[in-house]
Protein backbone atom coordinates (compact mmCIF):
# COMPACT_ATOMS: atom_id res chain seq x y z
CA UNK A 1 160.46 179.01 50.91
CA UNK A 2 156.74 178.76 50.44
CA UNK A 3 154.38 180.79 52.68
CA UNK A 4 153.10 179.32 55.82
CA UNK A 5 150.03 179.70 57.45
CA UNK A 6 151.36 182.64 59.55
CA UNK A 7 151.98 184.45 56.31
CA UNK A 8 148.97 184.10 53.83
CA UNK A 9 145.44 182.31 53.38
CA UNK A 10 146.90 180.26 50.66
CA UNK A 11 150.04 179.28 52.85
CA UNK A 12 147.33 177.67 55.20
CA UNK A 13 145.87 175.80 52.45
CA UNK A 14 142.55 177.46 52.32
CA UNK A 15 143.07 179.02 48.62
CA UNK A 16 141.59 176.55 45.81
CA UNK A 17 144.58 174.91 44.32
CA UNK A 18 145.88 171.63 42.66
CA UNK A 19 145.53 168.82 44.82
CA UNK A 20 148.63 166.92 45.60
CA UNK A 21 150.06 163.80 44.05
CA UNK A 22 149.47 161.73 47.35
CA UNK A 23 146.35 159.75 46.26
CA UNK A 24 148.75 158.05 43.61
CA UNK A 25 150.55 156.43 46.80
CA UNK A 26 147.27 155.16 48.46
CA UNK A 27 146.04 151.46 47.94
CA UNK A 28 143.26 151.23 45.51
CA UNK A 29 140.74 150.38 48.29
CA UNK A 30 141.03 152.53 51.33
CA UNK A 31 139.02 151.33 54.37
CA UNK A 32 137.41 154.77 55.89
CA UNK A 33 137.93 154.72 59.63
CA UNK A 34 134.99 155.95 61.64
CA UNK A 35 136.01 156.80 65.02
CA UNK A 36 132.62 157.08 66.48
CA UNK A 37 131.19 154.02 65.31
CA UNK A 38 130.23 151.26 67.90
CA UNK A 39 132.36 148.79 66.08
CA UNK A 40 135.48 150.88 66.35
CA UNK A 41 134.65 151.82 70.04
CA UNK A 42 134.32 148.16 71.05
CA UNK A 43 137.60 147.21 69.33
CA UNK A 44 139.44 149.97 71.19
CA UNK A 45 137.71 149.11 74.54
CA UNK A 46 141.02 148.05 76.31
CA UNK A 47 141.74 151.46 77.75
CA UNK A 48 138.51 151.90 79.28
CA UNK A 49 138.61 148.05 80.61
CA UNK A 50 142.07 148.79 82.23
CA UNK A 51 140.78 152.04 83.84
CA UNK A 52 138.08 150.01 85.36
CA UNK A 53 139.80 146.87 86.25
CA UNK A 54 143.55 147.74 86.71
CA UNK A 55 146.14 148.38 83.82
CA UNK A 56 148.07 145.12 82.98
CA UNK A 57 150.57 146.89 80.75
CA UNK A 58 153.39 147.24 83.08
CA UNK A 59 153.51 143.38 83.66
CA UNK A 60 152.83 142.81 79.86
CA UNK A 61 155.58 145.34 78.90
CA UNK A 62 158.15 143.58 81.41
CA UNK A 63 157.39 140.15 79.87
CA UNK A 64 158.12 141.59 76.29
CA UNK A 65 161.28 143.33 77.75
CA UNK A 66 162.44 139.83 79.23
CA UNK A 67 161.75 138.13 75.91
CA UNK A 68 163.91 140.55 74.29
CA UNK A 69 166.71 140.34 76.69
CA UNK A 70 166.56 136.42 76.45
CA UNK A 71 167.07 136.97 72.64
CA UNK A 72 170.25 139.10 72.98
CA UNK A 73 169.01 142.61 73.21
CA UNK A 74 171.36 145.07 74.89
CA UNK A 75 170.67 145.23 78.72
CA UNK A 76 170.89 148.93 78.79
CA UNK A 77 168.49 149.17 75.78
CA UNK A 78 170.99 151.51 74.13
CA UNK A 79 171.08 151.68 70.17
CA UNK A 80 174.59 152.94 69.31
CA UNK A 81 174.36 154.35 65.81
CA UNK A 82 177.65 155.64 63.90
CA UNK A 83 176.16 158.90 63.01
CA UNK A 84 178.69 161.98 62.43
CA UNK A 85 178.41 164.99 64.85
CA UNK A 86 176.16 166.58 62.27
CA UNK A 87 173.19 164.52 61.31
CA UNK A 88 169.48 165.00 60.92
CA UNK A 89 166.41 162.95 61.88
CA UNK A 90 162.61 163.04 61.31
CA UNK A 91 159.97 162.91 64.01
CA UNK A 92 156.24 162.53 63.56
CA UNK A 93 153.41 161.26 65.66
CA UNK A 94 150.14 159.61 65.47
CA UNK A 95 150.47 158.48 61.89
CA UNK A 96 148.46 155.03 61.19
CA UNK A 97 145.04 156.00 60.11
CA UNK A 98 145.60 154.65 56.68
CA UNK A 99 143.61 157.23 54.76
CA UNK A 100 143.97 160.50 52.95
CA UNK A 101 145.07 162.40 55.83
CA UNK A 102 147.93 160.11 56.36
CA UNK A 103 149.05 159.93 52.88
CA UNK A 104 148.92 163.57 52.26
CA UNK A 105 151.92 163.87 54.92
CA UNK A 106 154.22 161.60 52.88
CA UNK A 107 155.29 163.53 49.90
CA UNK A 108 156.44 166.51 52.03
CA UNK A 109 157.83 164.07 54.76
CA UNK A 110 160.11 162.63 51.79
CA UNK A 111 160.91 166.05 50.48
CA UNK A 112 161.87 167.51 53.83
CA UNK A 113 163.38 163.92 54.88
CA UNK A 114 166.21 164.18 52.34
CA UNK A 115 169.41 163.32 53.83
CA UNK A 116 168.10 162.36 57.20
CA UNK A 117 169.71 159.47 59.10
CA UNK A 118 166.59 158.04 60.59
CA UNK A 119 162.93 158.79 61.78
CA UNK A 120 161.08 158.36 64.87
CA UNK A 121 157.26 157.80 65.10
CA UNK A 122 156.13 159.12 68.51
CA UNK A 123 152.94 157.22 69.35
CA UNK A 124 150.14 155.28 67.68
CA UNK A 125 151.83 153.86 64.84
CA UNK A 126 148.63 152.00 63.72
CA UNK A 127 145.08 152.66 64.29
CA UNK A 128 142.58 151.47 65.55
CA UNK A 129 144.11 148.71 67.76
CA UNK A 130 147.55 148.13 66.51
CA UNK A 131 146.70 145.05 64.46
CA UNK A 132 149.54 143.28 62.62
CA UNK A 133 147.51 143.06 59.48
CA UNK A 134 147.07 146.83 59.42
CA UNK A 135 150.83 147.42 58.99
CA UNK A 136 150.75 146.93 55.29
CA UNK A 137 148.49 150.15 54.35
CA UNK A 138 149.34 152.02 57.36
CA UNK A 139 153.03 151.69 57.89
CA UNK A 140 155.06 149.76 55.29
CA UNK A 141 153.32 151.31 52.07
CA UNK A 142 153.24 154.89 53.03
CA UNK A 143 156.85 154.98 54.07
CA UNK A 144 158.26 152.43 51.59
CA UNK A 145 160.38 155.26 49.80
CA UNK A 146 161.83 156.62 53.05
CA UNK A 147 165.36 155.24 52.62
CA UNK A 148 166.60 155.26 56.32
CA UNK A 149 165.49 153.25 59.33
CA UNK A 150 162.32 154.25 61.36
CA UNK A 151 162.10 153.66 65.10
CA UNK A 152 159.03 154.03 67.23
CA UNK A 153 157.32 154.35 70.59
CA UNK A 154 154.03 152.93 71.01
CA UNK A 155 150.86 154.93 71.75
CA UNK A 156 147.63 153.58 73.57
CA UNK A 157 146.31 152.22 70.40
CA UNK A 158 149.20 150.13 69.68
CA UNK A 159 148.57 148.45 73.09
CA UNK A 160 145.02 147.55 72.21
CA UNK A 161 146.33 144.18 70.99
CA UNK A 162 148.88 143.83 73.55
CA UNK A 163 151.61 145.28 71.54
CA UNK A 164 152.11 142.13 69.34
CA UNK A 165 152.07 144.09 66.01
CA UNK A 166 154.49 146.53 67.29
CA UNK A 167 156.95 144.00 68.69
CA UNK A 168 156.84 142.08 65.48
CA UNK A 169 157.58 145.02 63.08
CA UNK A 170 160.22 146.98 65.34
CA UNK A 171 161.74 144.51 67.56
CA UNK A 172 163.15 141.80 65.57
CA UNK A 173 159.87 139.91 64.68
CA UNK A 174 159.53 139.18 68.19
CA UNK A 175 157.20 135.99 68.67
CA UNK A 176 153.78 136.27 70.55
CA UNK A 177 154.12 136.09 74.26
CA UNK A 178 152.75 132.75 75.88
CA UNK A 179 149.62 132.98 77.69
CA UNK A 180 149.22 133.76 81.22
CA UNK A 181 147.44 131.66 83.94
CA UNK A 182 143.83 131.84 84.27
CA UNK A 183 142.91 134.55 87.09
CA UNK A 184 140.76 133.64 89.93
CA UNK A 185 137.09 133.84 89.25
CA UNK A 186 134.97 137.00 89.94
CA UNK A 187 138.07 139.17 90.87
CA UNK A 188 138.95 142.24 89.22
CA UNK A 189 141.65 140.43 87.00
CA UNK A 190 139.03 137.98 86.03
CA UNK A 191 136.50 140.52 84.74
CA UNK A 192 139.39 142.44 82.88
CA UNK A 193 140.33 139.16 81.22
CA UNK A 194 136.59 138.50 80.38
CA UNK A 195 136.28 141.77 78.55
CA UNK A 196 139.92 142.25 77.21
CA UNK A 197 140.43 142.37 73.54
CA UNK A 198 142.81 139.60 72.35
CA UNK A 199 145.00 139.84 69.33
CA UNK A 200 143.52 138.40 66.28
CA UNK A 201 145.22 135.88 64.12
CA UNK A 202 147.60 137.18 61.46
CA UNK A 203 147.42 136.69 57.76
CA UNK A 204 151.13 135.82 57.49
CA UNK A 205 151.23 135.85 53.66
CA UNK A 206 149.80 139.33 53.67
CA UNK A 207 152.17 140.68 56.37
CA UNK A 208 155.18 139.05 54.38
CA UNK A 209 154.07 140.72 51.27
CA UNK A 210 153.76 144.12 53.26
CA UNK A 211 157.29 143.83 54.65
CA UNK A 212 158.80 143.44 51.37
CA UNK A 213 157.76 147.20 50.83
CA UNK A 214 160.56 148.27 53.28
CA UNK A 215 163.07 145.53 52.94
CA UNK A 216 166.15 147.12 52.06
CA UNK A 217 169.17 146.64 54.28
CA UNK A 218 169.37 150.54 54.79
CA UNK A 219 165.86 150.66 55.92
CA UNK A 220 166.16 148.10 58.68
CA UNK A 221 165.92 148.97 62.44
CA UNK A 222 165.61 146.65 65.37
CA UNK A 223 164.77 148.16 68.80
CA UNK A 224 165.55 146.32 72.13
CA UNK A 225 161.94 146.73 73.00
CA UNK A 226 159.15 149.31 73.48
CA UNK A 227 161.46 151.83 75.21
CA UNK A 228 164.93 152.56 74.21
CA UNK A 229 167.61 155.06 73.71
CA UNK A 230 169.64 156.11 70.64
CA UNK A 231 173.11 157.49 70.75
CA UNK A 232 173.62 159.39 67.68
CA UNK A 233 176.20 161.98 67.05
CA UNK A 234 176.64 164.31 69.99
CA UNK A 235 173.02 163.73 71.49
CA UNK A 236 171.01 160.75 73.20
CA UNK A 237 167.42 160.17 72.08
CA UNK A 238 165.38 158.46 74.73
CA UNK A 239 162.04 156.91 73.74
CA UNK A 240 159.68 155.88 76.52
CA UNK A 241 156.44 153.85 76.35
CA UNK A 242 153.46 155.39 78.20
CA UNK A 243 151.11 152.36 77.47
CA UNK A 244 147.31 152.47 77.67
CA UNK A 245 146.89 155.05 80.21
CA UNK A 246 149.71 157.62 80.11
CA UNK A 247 151.96 156.19 82.98
CA UNK A 248 155.43 154.62 83.20
CA UNK A 249 155.84 151.50 85.27
CA UNK A 250 158.52 151.24 87.97
CA UNK A 251 160.82 149.07 86.02
CA UNK A 252 160.84 151.36 83.05
CA UNK A 253 161.20 154.29 85.49
CA UNK A 254 164.28 152.98 86.87
CA UNK A 255 165.64 152.40 83.52
CA UNK A 256 164.87 156.03 82.46
CA UNK A 257 166.53 157.55 85.56
CA UNK A 258 169.66 155.46 84.67
CA UNK A 259 169.88 156.08 80.92
CA UNK A 260 169.25 159.87 81.51
CA UNK A 261 172.39 160.30 83.71
CA UNK A 262 175.56 161.85 82.23
CA UNK A 263 176.60 164.92 80.43
CA UNK A 264 175.50 164.02 76.94
CA UNK A 265 172.60 166.25 75.79
CA UNK A 266 169.21 164.36 75.34
CA UNK A 267 165.99 164.70 73.62
CA UNK A 268 162.86 162.55 75.15
CA UNK A 269 160.45 161.15 72.68
CA UNK A 270 157.25 159.96 74.55
CA UNK A 271 153.74 158.86 73.72
CA UNK A 272 152.23 161.37 76.18
CA UNK A 273 153.31 165.02 75.92
CA UNK A 274 154.27 166.53 79.07
CA UNK A 275 152.84 170.17 78.29
CA UNK A 276 149.75 170.09 76.27
CA UNK A 277 146.65 172.28 75.52
CA UNK A 278 147.99 174.92 77.91
CA UNK A 279 148.40 172.23 80.91
CA UNK A 280 151.32 170.45 82.44
CA UNK A 281 150.99 166.88 82.59
CA UNK A 282 154.19 165.59 84.10
CA UNK A 283 153.53 161.77 83.66
CA UNK A 284 153.55 159.65 86.83
CA UNK A 285 156.06 156.91 87.36
CA UNK A 286 154.85 153.89 89.25
CA UNK A 287 156.41 154.24 92.82
CA UNK A 288 156.81 157.93 92.94
CA UNK A 289 157.99 160.82 90.81
CA UNK A 290 157.23 161.91 87.35
CA UNK A 291 158.73 161.72 84.03
CA UNK A 292 159.09 165.66 83.76
CA UNK A 293 161.06 165.39 87.30
CA UNK A 294 163.59 163.35 85.36
CA UNK A 295 163.54 165.77 82.48
CA UNK A 296 164.14 168.89 84.73
CA UNK A 297 167.11 167.45 86.63
CA UNK A 298 170.01 169.69 85.32
CA UNK A 299 172.32 166.79 85.86
CA UNK A 300 170.36 165.00 82.96
CA UNK A 301 170.75 167.54 80.49
CA UNK A 302 167.45 167.32 78.59
CA UNK A 303 167.02 170.09 76.04
CA UNK A 304 163.70 168.79 74.54
CA UNK A 305 160.76 166.63 75.15
CA UNK A 306 158.62 165.61 72.14
CA UNK A 307 155.28 163.73 72.80
CA UNK A 308 152.48 162.49 70.27
CA UNK A 309 148.99 161.42 71.27
CA UNK A 310 147.48 164.86 70.72
CA UNK A 311 146.90 165.40 67.03
CA UNK A 312 148.39 168.65 66.16
CA UNK A 313 151.51 170.85 66.68
CA UNK A 314 152.31 172.66 70.00
CA UNK A 315 155.59 174.08 71.42
CA UNK A 316 156.17 175.59 75.11
CA UNK A 317 159.70 177.03 75.84
CA UNK A 318 159.72 176.48 79.56
CA UNK A 319 162.38 178.15 81.72
CA UNK A 320 163.68 175.40 84.17
CA UNK A 321 166.14 176.81 86.59
CA UNK A 322 167.62 179.24 84.22
CA UNK A 323 167.85 176.82 81.07
CA UNK A 324 165.08 176.72 78.55
CA UNK A 325 163.57 173.09 77.73
CA UNK A 326 161.42 173.07 74.62
CA UNK A 327 158.40 170.91 75.32
CA UNK A 328 156.81 169.71 72.00
CA UNK A 329 153.60 168.15 70.85
CA UNK A 330 154.02 166.37 67.46
CA UNK A 331 150.93 164.27 66.73
CA UNK A 332 150.09 165.60 63.53
CA UNK A 333 151.39 162.72 61.29
CA UNK A 334 148.23 161.52 59.84
CA UNK A 335 145.16 160.93 62.06
CA UNK A 336 142.19 163.11 62.52
CA UNK A 337 143.09 166.76 63.58
CA UNK A 338 142.59 167.71 67.34
CA UNK A 339 141.34 171.31 67.53
CA UNK A 340 143.79 174.13 68.74
CA UNK A 341 141.29 176.78 68.97
CA UNK A 342 139.94 175.19 72.25
CA UNK A 343 143.39 175.91 73.72
CA UNK A 344 142.84 178.92 76.33
CA UNK A 345 145.18 181.87 76.22
CA UNK A 346 148.49 180.00 77.48
CA UNK A 347 150.00 180.82 80.71
CA UNK A 348 151.72 177.71 82.06
CA UNK A 349 155.23 176.86 83.33
CA UNK A 350 156.00 180.36 82.81
CA UNK A 351 154.99 180.22 79.18
CA UNK A 352 152.68 183.09 77.99
CA UNK A 353 150.85 183.57 74.75
CA UNK A 354 153.81 185.39 73.24
CA UNK A 355 156.04 182.36 73.47
CA UNK A 356 153.62 179.69 72.51
CA UNK A 357 153.33 178.09 69.11
CA UNK A 358 150.81 175.76 67.63
CA UNK A 359 149.82 174.44 64.25
CA UNK A 360 147.00 174.71 62.98
CA UNK A 361 146.73 178.32 64.13
CA UNK A 362 143.60 178.52 66.36
CA UNK A 363 141.67 180.67 63.74
CA UNK A 364 142.34 178.10 61.06
CA UNK A 365 141.42 175.34 63.43
CA UNK A 366 138.07 177.17 64.25
CA UNK A 367 137.44 177.75 60.43
CA UNK A 368 138.00 174.11 59.89
CA UNK A 369 135.61 172.87 62.42
CA UNK A 370 132.93 175.34 61.35
CA UNK A 371 133.01 174.07 57.97
CA UNK A 372 133.06 170.59 59.06
CA UNK A 373 130.06 170.88 61.36
CA UNK A 374 128.34 173.34 59.12
CA UNK A 375 128.29 170.41 56.29
CA UNK A 376 127.57 167.82 58.66
CA UNK A 377 124.59 169.42 60.31
CA UNK A 378 123.41 170.91 57.02
CA UNK A 379 123.72 174.42 58.70
CA UNK A 380 126.52 175.80 56.43
CA UNK A 381 125.21 179.28 56.31
CA UNK A 382 124.99 179.73 60.19
CA UNK A 383 128.10 177.46 61.11
CA UNK A 384 130.61 178.35 58.42
CA UNK A 385 133.14 181.15 59.39
CA UNK A 386 135.56 182.57 56.83
CA UNK A 387 139.15 182.34 57.81
CA UNK A 388 139.22 185.86 58.67
CA UNK A 389 136.29 185.94 60.71
CA UNK A 390 137.70 182.98 62.68
CA UNK A 391 140.95 184.40 63.12
CA UNK A 392 139.42 187.74 64.43
CA UNK A 393 137.05 186.06 67.05
CA UNK A 394 139.96 183.94 68.43
CA UNK A 395 142.10 187.32 68.70
CA UNK A 396 139.26 189.07 70.43
CA UNK A 397 138.74 186.13 72.81
CA UNK A 398 142.25 185.73 73.75
CA UNK A 399 143.05 189.36 73.89
CA UNK A 400 145.95 189.15 71.16
CA UNK A 401 146.45 190.49 67.76
CA UNK A 402 145.47 188.12 64.94
CA UNK A 403 148.55 185.69 63.96
CA UNK A 404 147.92 186.26 60.36
CA UNK A 405 146.87 189.74 59.41
CA UNK A 406 143.27 189.94 57.69
CA UNK A 407 143.52 191.68 54.12
CA UNK A 408 140.48 193.99 55.16
CA UNK A 409 138.66 194.76 58.24
CA UNK A 410 136.78 192.09 59.73
CA UNK A 411 133.24 192.56 61.63
CA UNK A 412 132.92 189.99 64.48
CA UNK A 413 129.16 189.60 64.79
CA UNK A 414 126.86 187.93 67.39
CA UNK A 415 126.80 184.86 64.96
CA UNK A 416 130.54 184.55 64.78
CA UNK A 417 130.65 184.88 68.53
CA UNK A 418 127.89 182.25 69.09
CA UNK A 419 129.41 179.81 66.72
CA UNK A 420 133.10 180.33 68.51
CA UNK A 421 131.36 179.37 71.67
CA UNK A 422 129.49 176.46 70.44
CA UNK A 423 132.85 174.99 69.08
CA UNK A 424 134.61 175.65 72.34
CA UNK A 425 136.91 178.61 71.33
CA UNK A 426 139.32 179.15 74.06
CA UNK A 427 138.51 182.43 76.37
CA UNK A 428 141.41 184.21 78.45
CA UNK A 429 141.66 182.74 81.90
CA UNK A 430 140.37 185.91 83.58
CA UNK A 431 136.88 185.70 81.74
CA UNK A 432 136.32 182.08 82.52
CA UNK A 433 132.88 181.34 84.16
CA UNK A 434 132.87 179.47 87.64
CA UNK A 435 130.69 176.77 86.10
CA UNK A 436 130.67 175.91 82.61
CA UNK A 437 130.29 172.80 80.57
CA UNK A 438 133.57 170.81 80.06
CA UNK A 439 133.73 172.10 76.20
CA UNK A 440 137.26 171.10 75.67
CA UNK A 441 136.90 167.71 77.12
CA UNK A 442 133.71 167.10 74.99
CA UNK A 443 135.53 168.47 71.74
CA UNK A 444 138.42 166.14 72.29
CA UNK A 445 136.24 163.12 72.69
CA UNK A 446 133.33 163.76 70.72
CA UNK A 447 134.04 166.43 68.14
CA UNK A 448 137.56 165.79 67.24
CA UNK A 449 137.35 162.12 66.57
CA UNK A 450 134.58 162.98 64.00
CA UNK A 451 136.75 165.53 62.19
CA UNK A 452 138.19 162.99 59.73
CA UNK A 453 138.15 164.66 56.20
CA UNK A 454 139.00 163.23 52.83
CA UNK A 455 140.01 166.41 50.96
CA UNK A 456 142.43 169.45 51.68
CA UNK A 457 143.39 171.23 53.83
CA UNK A 458 144.32 168.54 56.18
CA UNK A 459 146.54 170.68 58.58
CA UNK A 460 149.05 168.05 59.17
CA UNK A 461 152.61 168.30 60.36
CA UNK A 462 155.98 166.57 60.95
CA UNK A 463 159.35 167.60 62.52
CA UNK A 464 163.02 167.66 61.29
CA UNK A 465 165.71 168.09 63.70
CA UNK A 466 169.22 169.06 62.42
CA UNK A 467 171.75 168.16 65.02
CA UNK A 468 175.40 169.76 65.44
CA UNK A 469 177.59 169.67 68.54
CA UNK A 470 176.54 173.27 69.30
CA UNK A 471 172.93 173.21 68.63
CA UNK A 472 169.68 171.25 67.52
CA UNK A 473 167.62 173.02 64.92
CA UNK A 474 164.01 172.05 65.23
CA UNK A 475 161.49 172.83 62.47
CA UNK A 476 157.96 171.99 61.89
CA UNK A 477 156.52 171.39 58.56
CA UNK A 478 153.20 171.58 57.31
CA UNK A 479 151.28 169.18 55.07
CA UNK A 480 147.72 170.53 53.60
CA UNK A 481 147.42 168.27 50.73
CA UNK A 482 147.82 170.73 48.14
CA UNK A 483 150.63 170.23 45.56
CA UNK A 484 152.40 173.55 46.17
CA UNK A 485 153.01 172.47 49.87
CA UNK A 486 154.01 169.01 48.66
CA UNK A 487 156.72 170.59 46.53
CA UNK A 488 157.89 172.96 48.97
CA UNK A 489 156.47 172.07 52.59
CA UNK A 490 156.23 175.29 54.47
CA UNK A 491 157.96 175.91 57.84
CA UNK A 492 155.44 176.65 60.52
CA UNK A 493 157.61 176.95 63.48
CA UNK A 494 161.49 176.88 64.07
CA UNK A 495 163.64 177.08 67.16
CA UNK A 496 167.47 176.76 67.61
CA UNK A 497 168.00 174.72 70.83
CA UNK A 498 171.72 175.17 72.03
CA UNK A 499 173.65 172.20 73.38
CA UNK A 500 176.72 173.98 74.82
């Protein structure tokens, strides 16, 4: 097994090495996605419009679900597979950026995914707006050699064109919804309709050619809708759609409570993680309660909740009334990297720093961003931190030993501390000032979208879950973009989850 980032600098992908073969998989012309360009921000405006004038996704989702029911989808929305009691499946989130960082994941994913029964994409299959025309280079092409079905739950970006592309690809080529009546002038719904982005016309010839890339019978999967459950071997995997604003509508909430009943062990897949960045985000359900209330109910027997949306890996083993539920963030499947160095010392849900895991490591995240912004601001000598300096200053700020031991003593200078502060490196809770700039929010909304890179290391990740009647073995694999990690994907985290 190859070294991980916890073992060596080379295992983290910092050491110079041969670039991977992933570029041979990419299209000849790759459209570079700029997350901070006015064009992209305007195209992705529906989330802001929904927050201002009301979120229509619950109603639209209900119309999609009704359409699929009329077409013969099972009323309980359960996909019943014939997997053996021992089987494996893959999970990755936030995949569809279409550039080098997405394709860099593919070789390791195919290697680690050998022998798996299916895969699940947890959130944001296609960036920036879920357009049907973008499925060719951002879904069908990268995963054309994965031999098994791929299921998905949509993320907020898949909703920016009202889920039309997602429903065509994953839900039996669902036809477009008929238009709704025009709202009354000058009301909230009228303003929302005026500003709302509508799905653009589809190039049907191009789409048909793209679908041929994953056309083998064993690759096909048809979902009953944007939320579903899969009965596979001894477990039930429940996928929910949290729409544009990270909430669950009343109809879906009632279904979730119903499908969660019974003694069968369950794993939740969601577009919005329930524990993330050192915080508990239980996900409200319209009409009352939260998704996490359902997960925590001992009668429902959830053993894990895996969410996308945040573009890195995190794991929180939370004690819930004497049993451990693994709350996982798995959003490192291809989009720009959200920083982990901004996560403060963890103390949430009974989980402390010793039980928390993340990838990239906070020190590697800080070093990555220092190099990125040193280059972009033309201040390399000031901004750039070595991996050892970044690891040391993060350990100092959190009051913990470095995760990866340095090869030689490291001096943490004023410059190193200043760069760490400017880039939002997290402090211990007791050292937080009463008033400070919202660095983590600024980093997530401004700095992180600017972290798109086109050369290694990428710090991407994906999961493999091996299921037996007794336990689920969950492993997080890294994808750096280097050939060594393609040939033998390093395991960054591993946990065995008992089912008995």
